[in-house]
Amino acid sequence: MENEYIYRLKPLLVPGVLFILLYPLVFGPLSFYFFLPEIYVKIFTGIYLFTFFSILILWLNGKGKRVIFKDNKLILSSPLRNVVLKPDNISKILFFWTKRQEEIVQIYSGQKRYFLSDLYFPYNELLTDLEDFISQNEIRNNLARHYEAV
């Protein structure tokens, strides 16, 4: 079983791209019309550049994020690092609902926690594969209680 799930960037990037496009269109004419002092223009430019590079870093990180099921291992991949979780390393996997009815998965491995949300695509298939992974490897979970509440 080898399945790969990618991170959806649209929910993260649409607001960021709108900001990058609209910020100069709004503050450019305002600074010109109101004759803002040079220090304010530098501050606004600094805010814009900082935000632009932050969005760029988020995009580069999100572009490479993946969840991969391969050779009975769960691989959490990103450009910065790859985390390979073997069934023996996973102490438990918990499923939660948020107030906005979004399902969140929390994976415990030693002292570390990893989260999976609906930003991974396709999320329903990811949950199905995760449930199969749990049942095949008899990992502690709250699936019975989780779906009782639904």
Protein backbone atom coordinates (compact mmCIF):
# COMPACT_ATOMS: atom_id res chain seq x y z
CA MET A 1 0.00 0.00 0.00
CA GLU A 2 1.59 3.25 -1.13
CA ASN A 3 -0.57 6.35 -1.12
CA GLU A 4 0.50 9.97 -1.12
CA TYR A 5 -1.56 12.93 0.04
CA ILE A 6 -0.57 16.50 -0.73
CA TYR A 7 -1.07 19.70 1.23
CA ARG A 8 -3.62 22.08 -0.26
CA LEU A 9 -2.21 25.57 -0.56
CA LYS A 10 -5.28 27.42 -1.81
CA PRO A 11 -6.75 28.18 1.66
CA LEU A 12 -3.37 29.59 2.72
CA LEU A 13 -2.31 31.44 -0.38
CA VAL A 14 -5.43 33.17 -1.65
CA PRO A 15 -5.49 35.66 1.27
CA GLY A 16 -1.72 36.08 1.00
CA VAL A 17 -1.76 36.80 -2.73
CA LEU A 18 -4.66 39.22 -2.28
CA PHE A 19 -2.64 41.05 0.37
CA ILE A 20 0.45 41.17 -1.85
CA LEU A 21 -1.59 42.64 -4.71
CA LEU A 22 -3.85 45.01 -2.77
CA TYR A 23 -1.36 46.43 -0.25
CA PRO A 24 0.60 48.52 -2.79
CA LEU A 25 -2.61 49.52 -4.57
CA VAL A 26 -4.07 50.89 -1.32
CA PHE A 27 -1.03 52.33 0.46
CA GLY A 28 0.70 53.69 -2.65
CA PRO A 29 -2.01 56.24 -3.48
CA LEU A 30 -2.59 56.96 0.24
CA SER A 31 1.07 57.80 0.82
CA PHE A 32 1.15 59.92 -2.34
CA TYR A 33 -2.15 61.72 -1.63
CA PHE A 34 -1.50 62.45 2.06
CA PHE A 35 2.22 63.21 1.63
CA LEU A 36 3.25 60.76 4.34
CA PRO A 37 6.70 61.34 5.84
CA GLU A 38 9.47 59.13 4.52
CA ILE A 39 9.68 57.16 7.79
CA TYR A 40 6.07 55.96 7.37
CA VAL A 41 6.70 54.91 3.79
CA LYS A 42 9.75 52.94 4.95
CA ILE A 43 7.72 51.29 7.73
CA PHE A 44 4.94 50.33 5.28
CA THR A 45 7.53 49.01 2.82
CA GLY A 46 9.17 46.97 5.59
CA ILE A 47 5.82 45.48 6.61
CA TYR A 48 5.08 44.63 2.99
CA LEU A 49 8.47 42.99 2.37
CA PHE A 50 8.33 41.03 5.63
CA THR A 51 4.85 39.75 4.79
CA PHE A 52 5.84 38.95 1.21
CA PHE A 53 8.81 36.83 2.31
CA SER A 54 6.74 35.15 5.06
CA ILE A 55 4.10 34.15 2.51
CA LEU A 56 6.83 32.93 0.15
CA ILE A 57 8.35 30.75 2.89
CA LEU A 58 4.91 29.36 3.79
CA TRP A 59 4.27 28.58 0.14
CA LEU A 60 7.60 26.80 -0.31
CA ASN A 61 7.07 24.77 2.86
CA GLY A 62 3.45 23.93 2.03
CA LYS A 63 4.26 23.01 -1.56
CA GLY A 64 6.38 20.10 -0.40
CA LYS A 65 4.25 18.83 2.49
CA ARG A 66 2.97 15.30 2.03
CA VAL A 67 1.63 12.37 3.99
CA ILE A 68 2.77 9.05 2.53
CA PHE A 69 1.79 5.52 3.50
CA LYS A 70 4.60 3.26 2.29
CA ASP A 71 5.81 -0.19 3.36
CA ASN A 72 3.71 -0.16 6.54
CA LYS A 73 5.19 3.21 7.56
CA LEU A 74 3.64 6.63 7.88
CA ILE A 75 5.89 9.29 6.36
CA LEU A 76 5.29 12.98 7.10
CA SER A 77 7.31 14.76 4.45
CA SER A 78 8.15 18.45 4.14
CA PRO A 79 11.00 20.41 2.52
CA LEU A 80 12.62 20.92 5.91
CA ARG A 81 12.51 17.30 7.12
CA ASN A 82 11.00 13.87 6.70
CA VAL A 83 9.53 12.07 9.69
CA VAL A 84 9.19 8.31 9.27
CA LEU A 85 6.79 6.82 11.80
CA LYS A 86 6.83 3.06 12.16
CA PRO A 87 3.91 1.42 13.95
CA ASP A 88 6.19 0.62 16.91
CA ASN A 89 7.03 4.33 17.32
CA ILE A 90 3.40 5.49 17.39
CA SER A 91 1.90 5.34 20.87
CA LYS A 92 -1.62 6.44 19.89
CA ILE A 93 -3.66 8.21 17.25
CA LEU A 94 -6.58 10.39 18.32
CA PHE A 95 -9.38 11.90 16.26
CA PHE A 96 -11.07 15.15 17.28
CA TRP A 97 -13.82 17.44 16.02
CA THR A 98 -13.40 21.21 16.23
CA LYS A 99 -16.18 23.68 16.94
CA ARG A 100 -16.47 24.27 13.19
CA GLN A 101 -17.03 20.53 12.62
CA GLU A 102 -13.58 19.93 11.16
CA GLU A 103 -11.89 16.65 11.89
CA ILE A 104 -8.34 16.78 13.25
CA VAL A 105 -6.02 13.80 13.71
CA GLN A 106 -3.37 13.87 16.42
CA ILE A 107 -0.52 11.34 16.21
CA TYR A 108 1.57 10.70 19.32
CA SER A 109 5.10 9.39 18.85
CA GLY A 110 7.21 9.46 21.99
CA GLN A 111 7.22 13.04 23.27
CA LYS A 112 6.21 14.50 19.89
CA ARG A 113 2.78 15.17 18.45
CA TYR A 114 1.89 15.50 14.81
CA PHE A 115 -1.35 16.94 13.47
CA LEU A 116 -3.24 16.19 10.27
CA SER A 117 -6.10 18.40 9.15
CA ASP A 118 -8.41 18.71 6.18
CA LEU A 119 -5.76 20.76 4.37
CA TYR A 120 -4.38 17.46 3.07
CA PHE A 121 -6.02 16.30 -0.15
CA PRO A 122 -7.96 14.04 -0.54
CA TYR A 123 -8.68 14.05 3.20
CA ASN A 124 -11.39 11.37 3.29
CA GLU A 125 -9.10 8.86 1.60
CA LEU A 126 -6.31 9.86 3.99
CA LEU A 127 -8.58 9.09 6.95
CA THR A 128 -9.56 5.75 5.41
CA ASP A 129 -5.92 4.78 4.90
CA LEU A 130 -5.11 5.95 8.43
CA GLU A 131 -7.93 3.79 9.85
CA ASP A 132 -6.61 0.81 7.88
CA PHE A 133 -3.09 1.54 9.17
CA ILE A 134 -4.44 1.65 12.74
CA SER A 135 -6.35 -1.62 12.43
CA GLN A 136 -3.48 -3.47 10.71
CA ASN A 137 -0.97 -2.45 13.35
CA GLU A 138 -3.29 -2.41 16.39
CA ILE A 139 -2.40 1.14 17.38
CA ARG A 140 -4.22 2.67 20.35
CA ASN A 141 -6.95 5.06 19.18
CA ASN A 142 -10.31 6.58 19.99
CA LEU A 143 -12.09 5.61 16.76
CA ALA A 144 -15.00 3.81 18.44
CA ARG A 145 -15.74 6.75 20.74
CA HIS A 146 -15.05 9.31 18.03
CA TYR A 147 -17.62 7.97 15.58
CA GLU A 148 -20.15 7.27 18.35
CA ALA A 149 -20.44 11.03 18.90
CA VAL A 150 -21.20 11.70 15.23
